[in-house]
Amino acid sequence: MTIPCFPKNVVLIAGGVGGARMAEGLARALSPGSLTVIANVGDDEQFYGMHVSPDIDTLIYTLSNRIDRKQGWGVADDGVRALGVLDTLGAPVWMKLGDADFGLHIWRSWRLAQGATLSDITEEAARRLGASARVLPATDDELKTKIRTDDGWLDFQQWFVGRRCEPRVHELRYQGASAARASPAAVAAIAAAELIVFAPSNPLLSLEPIIAVDGIRNALATARATRIGISPLIGGKAVKGPLARLMADLGLTACAESVAKRYAGLLQAFVVDSSDGAQADSLRKTGLAVLETDILMRDPADAERLAAEVLGWGAANLANDNIRSRS
């Protein structure tokens, strides 16, 4: 049996820790220069007058092996002396920003003030910090994930970090998405891709803000590439983060089938955990090709193992036209 070659142009739609882990796995499995990651910016926020891009930074730190692997975000062995000074001066310090973090945020804000786009800045940061894949924001325009809770409307970071996801959620809004222009570089990457992977990220908080940008959705829907999603749930539970509880708050069933429905019209195939066989059967009835495997990424080697399985399965089905015919 001939093992299919992996695609040479792969795009990952990603946000959050799960997205960063998948990005690392794909970068390890693919040839250098084969992977482009399109990142969520709905989490972006202003702190102390600086532009902070948490999802972009987690991707860059992970892909450059700088990430604090214990917590899944931030820089390994980073200090918080700057935050300590801010605390002493009476500033709010609920958003934990490390000293190395501050360096990147200062640089990004400086470059934005010079007139550079977020896309240019992100690509340059990834290159200078040694990331093993290209990283692009979904848009250079302002896009904010807003959350209506029992305590009223909150910005994502206020709810997620400041309030520790405690207030019950009633509604999500991706403010600015309808007016935002998709990053031209991101649209070009999607058009050139042979394979597009939707990371096992929180669909509501990490991926849908990307898809809500009209130019991105249209590019994905019309892409010639095979499009495969990966479930972020195992047995109805999230590996990390508030997805299961958030779905319950919004009246959604926390299962792989519900996640796949969020990407209706954009996917030809879906990957679920081996323990979710019933979900796999239901998904196949909707016309999706389904791969059942161990989707838990315990470490970088495990992420590479999952990436290789997805790439090999996608390439084999693409060669046989088994996935494309379902679009």
C-alpha atoms as a PDB file:
ATOM      1  CA  MET A   1       0.000   0.000   0.000  1.00  0.00           C
ATOM      2  CA  THR A   2       1.354   3.418  -0.955  1.00  0.00           C
ATOM      3  CA  ILE A   3       1.251   6.001   1.809  1.00  0.00           C
ATOM      4  CA  PRO A   4      -0.093   9.294   0.378  1.00  0.00           C
ATOM      5  CA  CYS A   5       2.137  12.356   0.482  1.00  0.00           C
ATOM      6  CA  PHE A   6       1.003  15.112   2.812  1.00  0.00           C
ATOM      7  CA  PRO A   7      -0.357  18.285   1.198  1.00  0.00           C
ATOM      8  CA  LYS A   8       2.168  21.064   0.581  1.00  0.00           C
ATOM      9  CA  ASN A   9      -0.241  23.916   1.347  1.00  0.00           C
ATOM     10  CA  VAL A  10      -2.254  23.521   4.549  1.00  0.00           C
ATOM     11  CA  VAL A  11      -4.325  26.193   6.305  1.00  0.00           C
ATOM     12  CA  LEU A  12      -5.379  25.852   9.932  1.00  0.00           C
ATOM     13  CA  ILE A  13      -8.267  27.942  11.285  1.00  0.00           C
ATOM     14  CA  ALA A  14      -7.397  28.317  14.944  1.00  0.00           C
ATOM     15  CA  GLY A  15      -7.747  30.055  18.264  1.00  0.00           C
ATOM     16  CA  GLY A  16      -7.046  29.221  21.893  1.00  0.00           C
ATOM     17  CA  VAL A  17      -4.827  26.539  23.408  1.00  0.00           C
ATOM     18  CA  GLY A  18      -6.361  23.675  21.392  1.00  0.00           C
ATOM     19  CA  GLY A  19      -5.709  25.570  18.191  1.00  0.00           C
ATOM     20  CA  ALA A  20      -2.103  26.264  19.163  1.00  0.00           C
ATOM     21  CA  ARG A  21      -1.487  22.606  20.001  1.00  0.00           C
ATOM     22  CA  MET A  22      -2.915  21.528  16.656  1.00  0.00           C
ATOM     23  CA  ALA A  23      -0.767  24.131  14.902  1.00  0.00           C
ATOM     24  CA  GLU A  24       2.339  22.732  16.568  1.00  0.00           C
ATOM     25  CA  GLY A  25       1.402  19.184  15.602  1.00  0.00           C
ATOM     26  CA  LEU A  26       0.825  20.130  11.977  1.00  0.00           C
ATOM     27  CA  ALA A  27       4.047  22.151  11.813  1.00  0.00           C
ATOM     28  CA  ARG A  28       5.977  19.144  13.135  1.00  0.00           C
ATOM     29  CA  ALA A  29       4.349  16.751  10.674  1.00  0.00           C
ATOM     30  CA  LEU A  30       4.567  18.936   7.566  1.00  0.00           C
ATOM     31  CA  SER A  31       7.511  20.126   5.516  1.00  0.00           C
ATOM     32  CA  PRO A  32       8.795  23.617   6.454  1.00  0.00           C
ATOM     33  CA  GLY A  33       6.772  26.371   4.854  1.00  0.00           C
ATOM     34  CA  SER A  34       3.685  24.205   4.310  1.00  0.00           C
ATOM     35  CA  LEU A  35       1.480  25.554   7.115  1.00  0.00           C
ATOM     36  CA  THR A  36      -0.384  28.855   7.446  1.00  0.00           C
ATOM     37  CA  VAL A  37      -2.471  29.514  10.559  1.00  0.00           C
ATOM     38  CA  ILE A  38      -5.348  31.982  10.420  1.00  0.00           C
ATOM     39  CA  ALA A  39      -5.936  33.270  13.927  1.00  0.00           C
ATOM     40  CA  ASN A  40      -8.839  34.638  15.911  1.00  0.00           C
ATOM     41  CA  VAL A  41      -8.667  38.318  16.892  1.00  0.00           C
ATOM     42  CA  GLY A  42     -12.040  38.503  18.658  1.00  0.00           C
ATOM     43  CA  ASP A  43     -10.138  38.170  21.948  1.00  0.00           C
ATOM     44  CA  ASP A  44      -7.888  41.177  21.242  1.00  0.00           C
ATOM     45  CA  GLU A  45      -7.995  43.851  23.921  1.00  0.00           C
ATOM     46  CA  GLN A  46      -6.361  47.094  25.032  1.00  0.00           C
ATOM     47  CA  PHE A  47      -4.426  46.955  28.295  1.00  0.00           C
ATOM     48  CA  TYR A  48      -2.503  49.970  29.611  1.00  0.00           C
ATOM     49  CA  GLY A  49      -2.760  51.536  26.156  1.00  0.00           C
ATOM     50  CA  MET A  50      -1.256  48.485  24.442  1.00  0.00           C
ATOM     51  CA  HIS A  51      -2.791  46.213  21.811  1.00  0.00           C
ATOM     52  CA  VAL A  52      -2.824  42.638  23.136  1.00  0.00           C
ATOM     53  CA  SER A  53      -3.609  39.693  20.819  1.00  0.00           C
ATOM     54  CA  PRO A  54      -3.848  36.640  23.115  1.00  0.00           C
ATOM     55  CA  ASP A  55      -4.696  33.987  20.496  1.00  0.00           C
ATOM     56  CA  ILE A  56      -2.041  35.210  18.063  1.00  0.00           C
ATOM     57  CA  ASP A  57       0.531  35.306  20.839  1.00  0.00           C
ATOM     58  CA  THR A  58      -0.313  31.797  22.073  1.00  0.00           C
ATOM     59  CA  LEU A  59       0.169  30.527  18.530  1.00  0.00           C
ATOM     60  CA  ILE A  60       3.504  32.290  18.090  1.00  0.00           C
ATOM     61  CA  TYR A  61       4.805  31.237  21.510  1.00  0.00           C
ATOM     62  CA  THR A  62       3.774  27.624  20.891  1.00  0.00           C
ATOM     63  CA  LEU A  63       5.208  27.483  17.367  1.00  0.00           C
ATOM     64  CA  SER A  64       8.504  28.973  18.574  1.00  0.00           C
ATOM     65  CA  ASN A  65       8.693  26.617  21.592  1.00  0.00           C
ATOM     66  CA  ARG A  66       8.512  29.551  24.011  1.00  0.00           C
ATOM     67  CA  ILE A  67       5.124  28.633  25.480  1.00  0.00           C
ATOM     68  CA  ASP A  68       4.551  27.944  29.165  1.00  0.00           C
ATOM     69  CA  ARG A  69       3.358  24.371  28.643  1.00  0.00           C
ATOM     70  CA  LYS A  70       1.994  23.968  32.138  1.00  0.00           C
ATOM     71  CA  GLN A  71      -0.628  26.689  31.723  1.00  0.00           C
ATOM     72  CA  GLY A  72      -0.864  26.542  27.920  1.00  0.00           C
ATOM     73  CA  TRP A  73      -0.335  30.264  27.365  1.00  0.00           C
ATOM     74  CA  GLY A  74       2.286  32.914  28.107  1.00  0.00           C
ATOM     75  CA  VAL A  75       6.051  32.551  27.937  1.00  0.00           C
ATOM     76  CA  ALA A  76       7.882  29.809  29.839  1.00  0.00           C
ATOM     77  CA  ASP A  77       9.766  31.003  32.937  1.00  0.00           C
ATOM     78  CA  ASP A  78       8.430  34.535  32.515  1.00  0.00           C
ATOM     79  CA  GLY A  79       8.366  36.988  35.396  1.00  0.00           C
ATOM     80  CA  VAL A  80       5.682  39.480  36.452  1.00  0.00           C
ATOM     81  CA  ARG A  81       7.802  42.368  37.752  1.00  0.00           C
ATOM     82  CA  ALA A  82       6.124  44.892  35.466  1.00  0.00           C
ATOM     83  CA  LEU A  83       2.689  43.712  36.576  1.00  0.00           C
ATOM     84  CA  GLY A  84       3.852  44.014  40.192  1.00  0.00           C
ATOM     85  CA  VAL A  85       4.746  47.674  39.657  1.00  0.00           C
ATOM     86  CA  LEU A  86       1.358  48.302  38.047  1.00  0.00           C
ATOM     87  CA  ASP A  87      -0.333  46.654  41.022  1.00  0.00           C
ATOM     88  CA  THR A  88       1.595  48.866  43.434  1.00  0.00           C
ATOM     89  CA  LEU A  89       0.501  51.899  41.446  1.00  0.00           C
ATOM     90  CA  GLY A  90      -3.134  50.865  41.761  1.00  0.00           C
ATOM     91  CA  ALA A  91      -3.751  49.654  38.208  1.00  0.00           C
ATOM     92  CA  PRO A  92      -6.109  46.688  37.588  1.00  0.00           C
ATOM     93  CA  VAL A  93      -3.994  43.552  37.164  1.00  0.00           C
ATOM     94  CA  TRP A  94      -6.560  40.801  36.596  1.00  0.00           C
ATOM     95  CA  MET A  95      -5.077  40.077  33.158  1.00  0.00           C
ATOM     96  CA  LYS A  96      -1.807  38.265  33.832  1.00  0.00           C
ATOM     97  CA  LEU A  97       0.790  39.683  31.445  1.00  0.00           C
ATOM     98  CA  GLY A  98       4.362  38.484  31.879  1.00  0.00           C
ATOM     99  CA  ASP A  99       7.438  40.644  31.366  1.00  0.00           C
ATOM    100  CA  ALA A 100       8.300  39.004  28.041  1.00  0.00           C
ATOM    101  CA  ASP A 101       4.646  39.408  27.071  1.00  0.00           C
ATOM    102  CA  PHE A 102       4.926  43.131  27.703  1.00  0.00           C
ATOM    103  CA  GLY A 103       7.843  43.312  25.297  1.00  0.00           C
ATOM    104  CA  LEU A 104       5.758  41.866  22.465  1.00  0.00           C
ATOM    105  CA  HIS A 105       2.737  44.030  23.286  1.00  0.00           C
ATOM    106  CA  ILE A 106       4.861  47.192  23.383  1.00  0.00           C
ATOM    107  CA  TRP A 107       6.441  46.302  20.041  1.00  0.00           C
ATOM    108  CA  ARG A 108       3.083  45.507  18.416  1.00  0.00           C
ATOM    109  CA  SER A 109       1.551  48.765  19.655  1.00  0.00           C
ATOM    110  CA  TRP A 110       4.603  50.725  18.470  1.00  0.00           C
ATOM    111  CA  ARG A 111       4.399  49.168  15.004  1.00  0.00           C
ATOM    112  CA  LEU A 112       0.646  49.830  14.781  1.00  0.00           C
ATOM    113  CA  ALA A 113       1.297  53.471  15.660  1.00  0.00           C
ATOM    114  CA  GLN A 114       3.793  53.567  12.799  1.00  0.00           C
ATOM    115  CA  GLY A 115       1.031  52.520  10.397  1.00  0.00           C
ATOM    116  CA  ALA A 116       1.822  48.816   9.958  1.00  0.00           C
ATOM    117  CA  THR A 117      -1.116  46.428   9.656  1.00  0.00           C
ATOM    118  CA  LEU A 118      -1.788  43.700  12.198  1.00  0.00           C
ATOM    119  CA  SER A 119      -1.129  41.149   9.431  1.00  0.00           C
ATOM    120  CA  ASP A 120       2.325  42.588   8.695  1.00  0.00           C
ATOM    121  CA  ILE A 121       3.128  42.827  12.394  1.00  0.00           C
ATOM    122  CA  THR A 122       1.989  39.271  13.113  1.00  0.00           C
ATOM    123  CA  GLU A 123       3.981  37.792  10.231  1.00  0.00           C
ATOM    124  CA  GLU A 124       7.074  39.730  11.285  1.00  0.00           C
ATOM    125  CA  ALA A 125       6.724  38.704  14.940  1.00  0.00           C
ATOM    126  CA  ALA A 126       6.317  35.038  13.983  1.00  0.00           C
ATOM    127  CA  ARG A 127       9.394  35.210  11.771  1.00  0.00           C
ATOM    128  CA  ARG A 128      11.604  37.086  14.235  1.00  0.00           C
ATOM    129  CA  LEU A 129      10.622  34.850  17.157  1.00  0.00           C
ATOM    130  CA  GLY A 130      11.259  31.691  15.155  1.00  0.00           C
ATOM    131  CA  ALA A 131       7.727  30.323  14.723  1.00  0.00           C
ATOM    132  CA  SER A 132       7.605  27.155  12.619  1.00  0.00           C
ATOM    133  CA  ALA A 133       4.573  28.286  10.602  1.00  0.00           C
ATOM    134  CA  ARG A 134       3.136  31.424   9.078  1.00  0.00           C
ATOM    135  CA  VAL A 135       0.578  33.150  11.334  1.00  0.00           C
ATOM    136  CA  LEU A 136      -2.046  35.595  10.039  1.00  0.00           C
ATOM    137  CA  PRO A 137      -4.955  37.390  11.729  1.00  0.00           C
ATOM    138  CA  ALA A 138      -8.376  36.839  10.176  1.00  0.00           C
ATOM    139  CA  THR A 139      -8.743  40.612   9.782  1.00  0.00           C
ATOM    140  CA  ASP A 140      -6.760  43.782  10.367  1.00  0.00           C
ATOM    141  CA  ASP A 141      -9.947  45.559  11.457  1.00  0.00           C
ATOM    142  CA  GLU A 142     -11.410  45.708  14.943  1.00  0.00           C
ATOM    143  CA  LEU A 143     -13.425  42.647  15.907  1.00  0.00           C
ATOM    144  CA  LYS A 144     -14.573  41.973  19.457  1.00  0.00           C
ATOM    145  CA  THR A 145     -16.326  38.969  20.933  1.00  0.00           C
ATOM    146  CA  LYS A 146     -19.025  40.324  23.245  1.00  0.00           C
ATOM    147  CA  ILE A 147     -20.848  38.165  25.769  1.00  0.00           C
ATOM    148  CA  ARG A 148     -24.266  38.910  27.266  1.00  0.00           C
ATOM    149  CA  THR A 149     -24.368  37.488  30.769  1.00  0.00           C
ATOM    150  CA  ASP A 150     -26.460  37.690  33.908  1.00  0.00           C
ATOM    151  CA  ASP A 151     -24.343  40.765  34.672  1.00  0.00           C
ATOM    152  CA  GLY A 152     -24.898  42.405  31.284  1.00  0.00           C
ATOM    153  CA  TRP A 153     -22.638  42.654  28.234  1.00  0.00           C
ATOM    154  CA  LEU A 154     -18.960  41.904  28.823  1.00  0.00           C
ATOM    155  CA  ASP A 155     -15.914  41.873  26.565  1.00  0.00           C
ATOM    156  CA  PHE A 156     -14.448  38.404  26.150  1.00  0.00           C
ATOM    157  CA  GLN A 157     -11.407  39.012  28.366  1.00  0.00           C
ATOM    158  CA  GLN A 158     -13.568  40.542  31.115  1.00  0.00           C
ATOM    159  CA  TRP A 159     -15.719  37.407  31.176  1.00  0.00           C
ATOM    160  CA  PHE A 160     -13.043  34.790  30.513  1.00  0.00           C
ATOM    161  CA  VAL A 161     -10.198  36.115  32.663  1.00  0.00           C
ATOM    162  CA  GLY A 162     -11.605  38.887  34.823  1.00  0.00           C
ATOM    163  CA  ARG A 163     -14.728  36.999  35.885  1.00  0.00           C
ATOM    164  CA  ARG A 164     -13.312  33.464  35.399  1.00  0.00           C
ATOM    165  CA  CYS A 165     -16.244  32.479  33.125  1.00  0.00           C
ATOM    166  CA  GLU A 166     -18.596  32.628  36.110  1.00  0.00           C
ATOM    167  CA  PRO A 167     -21.541  34.757  34.883  1.00  0.00           C
ATOM    168  CA  ARG A 168     -24.073  32.677  32.982  1.00  0.00           C
ATOM    169  CA  VAL A 169     -24.054  33.380  29.236  1.00  0.00           C
ATOM    170  CA  HIS A 170     -27.207  34.246  27.255  1.00  0.00           C
ATOM    171  CA  GLU A 171     -25.876  35.518  23.939  1.00  0.00           C
ATOM    172  CA  LEU A 172     -22.696  35.955  21.902  1.00  0.00           C
ATOM    173  CA  ARG A 173     -21.987  38.751  19.465  1.00  0.00           C
ATOM    174  CA  TYR A 174     -18.974  39.247  17.191  1.00  0.00           C
ATOM    175  CA  GLN A 175     -18.974  43.020  17.138  1.00  0.00           C
ATOM    176  CA  GLY A 176     -17.516  44.515  13.994  1.00  0.00           C
ATOM    177  CA  ALA A 177     -17.534  41.271  12.001  1.00  0.00           C
ATOM    178  CA  SER A 178     -20.013  42.461   9.382  1.00  0.00           C
ATOM    179  CA  ALA A 179     -17.936  45.548   8.626  1.00  0.00           C
ATOM    180  CA  ALA A 180     -14.509  43.918   8.978  1.00  0.00           C
ATOM    181  CA  ARG A 181     -12.499  43.249   5.833  1.00  0.00           C
ATOM    182  CA  ALA A 182     -10.833  39.869   5.675  1.00  0.00           C
ATOM    183  CA  SER A 183      -7.049  39.980   5.655  1.00  0.00           C
ATOM    184  CA  PRO A 184      -6.006  39.771   1.976  1.00  0.00           C
ATOM    185  CA  ALA A 185      -3.137  37.468   2.959  1.00  0.00           C
ATOM    186  CA  ALA A 186      -5.536  35.148   4.797  1.00  0.00           C
ATOM    187  CA  VAL A 187      -7.919  35.001   1.835  1.00  0.00           C
ATOM    188  CA  ALA A 188      -5.018  34.268  -0.525  1.00  0.00           C
ATOM    189  CA  ALA A 189      -3.776  31.476   1.763  1.00  0.00           C
ATOM    190  CA  ILE A 190      -7.228  29.867   1.804  1.00  0.00           C
ATOM    191  CA  ALA A 191      -7.488  30.067  -1.977  1.00  0.00           C
ATOM    192  CA  ALA A 192      -4.084  28.404  -2.416  1.00  0.00           C
ATOM    193  CA  ALA A 193      -4.642  25.654   0.181  1.00  0.00           C
ATOM    194  CA  GLU A 194      -4.901  21.966  -0.658  1.00  0.00           C
ATOM    195  CA  LEU A 195      -6.221  21.153   2.801  1.00  0.00           C
ATOM    196  CA  ILE A 196      -8.008  23.347   5.349  1.00  0.00           C
ATOM    197  CA  VAL A 197      -8.278  22.157   8.948  1.00  0.00           C
ATOM    198  CA  PHE A 198     -10.655  23.614  11.533  1.00  0.00           C
ATOM    199  CA  ALA A 199      -8.744  23.192  14.795  1.00  0.00           C
ATOM    200  CA  PRO A 200     -10.216  21.534  17.908  1.00  0.00           C
ATOM    201  CA  SER A 201     -10.792  25.024  19.292  1.00  0.00           C
ATOM    202  CA  ASN A 202     -13.853  26.378  21.049  1.00  0.00           C
ATOM    203  CA  PRO A 203     -16.197  26.935  18.079  1.00  0.00           C
ATOM    204  CA  LEU A 204     -18.188  29.685  19.791  1.00  0.00           C
ATOM    205  CA  LEU A 205     -15.313  31.729  21.159  1.00  0.00           C
ATOM    206  CA  SER A 206     -12.343  30.915  18.927  1.00  0.00           C
ATOM    207  CA  LEU A 207     -13.469  29.861  15.447  1.00  0.00           C
ATOM    208  CA  GLU A 208     -16.828  31.525  14.834  1.00  0.00           C
ATOM    209  CA  PRO A 209     -15.363  35.023  15.283  1.00  0.00           C
ATOM    210  CA  ILE A 210     -13.062  34.136  12.360  1.00  0.00           C
ATOM    211  CA  ILE A 211     -15.855  32.674  10.233  1.00  0.00           C
ATOM    212  CA  ALA A 212     -18.087  35.668  11.032  1.00  0.00           C
ATOM    213  CA  VAL A 213     -15.805  37.863   8.924  1.00  0.00           C
ATOM    214  CA  ASP A 214     -17.704  37.773   5.640  1.00  0.00           C
ATOM    215  CA  GLY A 215     -14.683  37.548   3.378  1.00  0.00           C
ATOM    216  CA  ILE A 216     -13.321  34.618   5.374  1.00  0.00           C
ATOM    217  CA  ARG A 217     -16.578  32.661   5.285  1.00  0.00           C
ATOM    218  CA  ASN A 218     -16.912  33.162   1.544  1.00  0.00           C
ATOM    219  CA  ALA A 219     -13.284  32.155   0.957  1.00  0.00           C
ATOM    220  CA  LEU A 220     -13.781  28.971   3.004  1.00  0.00           C
ATOM    221  CA  ALA A 221     -17.094  28.085   1.360  1.00  0.00           C
ATOM    222  CA  THR A 222     -15.658  28.435  -2.155  1.00  0.00           C
ATOM    223  CA  ALA A 223     -12.201  26.980  -1.470  1.00  0.00           C
ATOM    224  CA  ARG A 224     -11.018  24.150  -3.705  1.00  0.00           C
ATOM    225  CA  ALA A 225      -9.290  22.559  -0.729  1.00  0.00           C
ATOM    226  CA  THR A 226     -10.570  19.607   1.249  1.00  0.00           C
ATOM    227  CA  ARG A 227     -11.996  20.979   4.519  1.00  0.00           C
ATOM    228  CA  ILE A 228     -11.784  18.913   7.703  1.00  0.00           C
ATOM    229  CA  GLY A 229     -12.950  19.846  11.201  1.00  0.00           C
ATOM    230  CA  ILE A 230     -11.727  18.331  14.464  1.00  0.00           C
ATOM    231  CA  SER A 231     -13.987  18.029  17.495  1.00  0.00           C
ATOM    232  CA  PRO A 232     -12.866  19.853  20.663  1.00  0.00           C
ATOM    233  CA  LEU A 233     -15.052  17.551  22.778  1.00  0.00           C
ATOM    234  CA  ILE A 234     -14.437  14.041  24.087  1.00  0.00           C
ATOM    235  CA  GLY A 235     -17.492  12.341  25.532  1.00  0.00           C
ATOM    236  CA  GLY A 236     -19.265  15.687  25.733  1.00  0.00           C
ATOM    237  CA  LYS A 237     -16.493  17.284  27.756  1.00  0.00           C
ATOM    238  CA  ALA A 238     -13.914  19.872  26.737  1.00  0.00           C
ATOM    239  CA  VAL A 239     -10.266  19.013  27.277  1.00  0.00           C
ATOM    240  CA  LYS A 240      -9.666  22.599  28.391  1.00  0.00           C
ATOM    241  CA  GLY A 241     -11.861  25.642  28.762  1.00  0.00           C
ATOM    242  CA  PRO A 242     -15.564  26.408  29.288  1.00  0.00           C
ATOM    243  CA  LEU A 243     -17.013  25.043  26.032  1.00  0.00           C
ATOM    244  CA  ALA A 244     -19.345  22.397  27.503  1.00  0.00           C
ATOM    245  CA  ARG A 245     -20.817  24.771  30.071  1.00  0.00           C
ATOM    246  CA  LEU A 246     -21.078  27.576  27.521  1.00  0.00           C
ATOM    247  CA  MET A 247     -22.999  25.334  25.137  1.00  0.00           C
ATOM    248  CA  ALA A 248     -25.348  24.337  27.958  1.00  0.00           C
ATOM    249  CA  ASP A 249     -25.925  28.008  28.831  1.00  0.00           C
ATOM    250  CA  LEU A 250     -26.923  28.664  25.222  1.00  0.00           C
ATOM    251  CA  GLY A 251     -29.238  25.654  25.023  1.00  0.00           C
ATOM    252  CA  LEU A 252     -26.882  23.590  22.851  1.00  0.00           C
ATOM    253  CA  THR A 253     -26.006  19.938  23.366  1.00  0.00           C
ATOM    254  CA  ALA A 254     -22.320  19.523  24.182  1.00  0.00           C
ATOM    255  CA  CYS A 255     -21.339  16.889  21.628  1.00  0.00           C
ATOM    256  CA  ALA A 256     -19.290  16.499  18.449  1.00  0.00           C
ATOM    257  CA  GLU A 257     -22.407  16.560  16.276  1.00  0.00           C
ATOM    258  CA  SER A 258     -23.425  19.972  17.657  1.00  0.00           C
ATOM    259  CA  VAL A 259     -19.943  21.333  16.977  1.00  0.00           C
ATOM    260  CA  ALA A 260     -19.956  20.066  13.384  1.00  0.00           C
ATOM    261  CA  LYS A 261     -23.321  21.767  12.799  1.00  0.00           C
ATOM    262  CA  ARG A 262     -21.721  25.100  13.687  1.00  0.00           C
ATOM    263  CA  TYR A 263     -19.638  24.763  10.506  1.00  0.00           C
ATOM    264  CA  ALA A 264     -22.509  23.773   8.225  1.00  0.00           C
ATOM    265  CA  GLY A 265     -21.681  24.334   4.567  1.00  0.00           C
ATOM    266  CA  LEU A 266     -17.961  24.682   5.264  1.00  0.00           C
ATOM    267  CA  LEU A 267     -16.851  21.101   5.967  1.00  0.00           C
ATOM    268  CA  GLN A 268     -16.634  17.869   4.023  1.00  0.00           C
ATOM    269  CA  ALA A 269     -15.194  15.774   6.840  1.00  0.00           C
ATOM    270  CA  PHE A 270     -14.973  15.679  10.631  1.00  0.00           C
ATOM    271  CA  VAL A 271     -12.686  13.993  13.152  1.00  0.00           C
ATOM    272  CA  VAL A 272     -14.082  12.690  16.443  1.00  0.00           C
ATOM    273  CA  ASP A 273     -12.657  10.802  19.368  1.00  0.00           C
ATOM    274  CA  SER A 274     -12.801   7.018  19.286  1.00  0.00           C
ATOM    275  CA  SER A 275     -15.050   7.102  22.350  1.00  0.00           C
ATOM    276  CA  ASP A 276     -17.708   9.033  20.413  1.00  0.00           C
ATOM    277  CA  GLY A 277     -18.747   6.284  18.008  1.00  0.00           C
ATOM    278  CA  ALA A 278     -22.452   7.129  18.226  1.00  0.00           C
ATOM    279  CA  GLN A 279     -21.660  10.706  17.250  1.00  0.00           C
ATOM    280  CA  ALA A 280     -19.594   9.458  14.327  1.00  0.00           C
ATOM    281  CA  ASP A 281     -22.544   7.424  13.011  1.00  0.00           C
ATOM    282  CA  SER A 282     -24.872  10.419  13.263  1.00  0.00           C
ATOM    283  CA  LEU A 283     -22.387  12.643  11.450  1.00  0.00           C
ATOM    284  CA  ARG A 284     -21.991  10.165   8.605  1.00  0.00           C
ATOM    285  CA  LYS A 285     -25.759  10.295   8.081  1.00  0.00           C
ATOM    286  CA  THR A 286     -25.441  14.029   7.415  1.00  0.00           C
ATOM    287  CA  GLY A 287     -23.058  13.309   4.532  1.00  0.00           C
ATOM    288  CA  LEU A 288     -19.774  14.044   6.264  1.00  0.00           C
ATOM    289  CA  ALA A 289     -16.827  11.689   6.026  1.00  0.00           C
ATOM    290  CA  VAL A 290     -15.748  10.842   9.578  1.00  0.00           C
ATOM    291  CA  LEU A 291     -12.468   9.720  11.121  1.00  0.00           C
ATOM    292  CA  GLU A 292     -12.582   8.146  14.578  1.00  0.00           C
ATOM    293  CA  THR A 293      -9.297   8.323  16.471  1.00  0.00           C
ATOM    294  CA  ASP A 294      -7.655   9.439  19.715  1.00  0.00           C
ATOM    295  CA  ILE A 295      -7.956  13.238  19.499  1.00  0.00           C
ATOM    296  CA  LEU A 296      -6.426  14.056  22.895  1.00  0.00           C
ATOM    297  CA  MET A 297      -3.118  15.940  22.467  1.00  0.00           C
ATOM    298  CA  ARG A 298      -1.150  15.192  25.620  1.00  0.00           C
ATOM    299  CA  ASP A 299       2.171  16.651  24.459  1.00  0.00           C
ATOM    300  CA  PRO A 300       3.824  17.899  21.228  1.00  0.00           C
ATOM    301  CA  ALA A 301       4.569  14.370  20.041  1.00  0.00           C
ATOM    302  CA  ASP A 302       0.917  13.427  20.555  1.00  0.00           C
ATOM    303  CA  ALA A 303      -0.157  16.526  18.636  1.00  0.00           C
ATOM    304  CA  GLU A 304       2.136  15.478  15.794  1.00  0.00           C
ATOM    305  CA  ARG A 305       0.624  11.985  15.870  1.00  0.00           C
ATOM    306  CA  LEU A 306      -2.907  13.389  15.526  1.00  0.00           C
ATOM    307  CA  ALA A 307      -1.797  15.825  12.819  1.00  0.00           C
ATOM    308  CA  ALA A 308      -0.187  13.029  10.818  1.00  0.00           C
ATOM    309  CA  GLU A 309      -3.349  10.916  11.066  1.00  0.00           C
ATOM    310  CA  VAL A 310      -5.538  13.797   9.879  1.00  0.00           C
ATOM    311  CA  LEU A 311      -3.125  14.709   7.082  1.00  0.00           C
ATOM    312  CA  GLY A 312      -2.768  11.121   5.906  1.00  0.00           C
ATOM    313  CA  TRP A 313      -6.502  10.466   6.060  1.00  0.00           C
ATOM    314  CA  GLY A 314      -7.272  13.700   4.257  1.00  0.00           C
ATOM    315  CA  ALA A 315      -4.666  13.045   1.572  1.00  0.00           C
ATOM    316  CA  ALA A 316      -5.839   9.466   1.006  1.00  0.00           C
ATOM    317  CA  ASN A 317      -9.468  10.481   0.710  1.00  0.00           C
ATOM    318  CA  LEU A 318      -8.557  13.430  -1.493  1.00  0.00           C
ATOM    319  CA  ALA A 319      -6.653  11.107  -3.819  1.00  0.00           C
ATOM    320  CA  ASN A 320      -9.695   8.833  -4.048  1.00  0.00           C
ATOM    321  CA  ASP A 321     -12.080  11.808  -4.289  1.00  0.00           C
ATOM    322  CA  ASN A 322     -14.003  10.358  -1.328  1.00  0.00           C
ATOM    323  CA  ILE A 323     -14.196  13.640   0.544  1.00  0.00           C
ATOM    324  CA  ARG A 324     -14.431  16.151  -2.284  1.00  0.00           C
ATOM    325  CA  SER A 325     -17.502  14.421  -3.709  1.00  0.00           C
ATOM    326  CA  ARG A 326     -19.375  15.209  -0.488  1.00  0.00           C
ATOM    327  CA  SER A 327     -19.026  18.990  -0.803  1.00  0.00           C
END
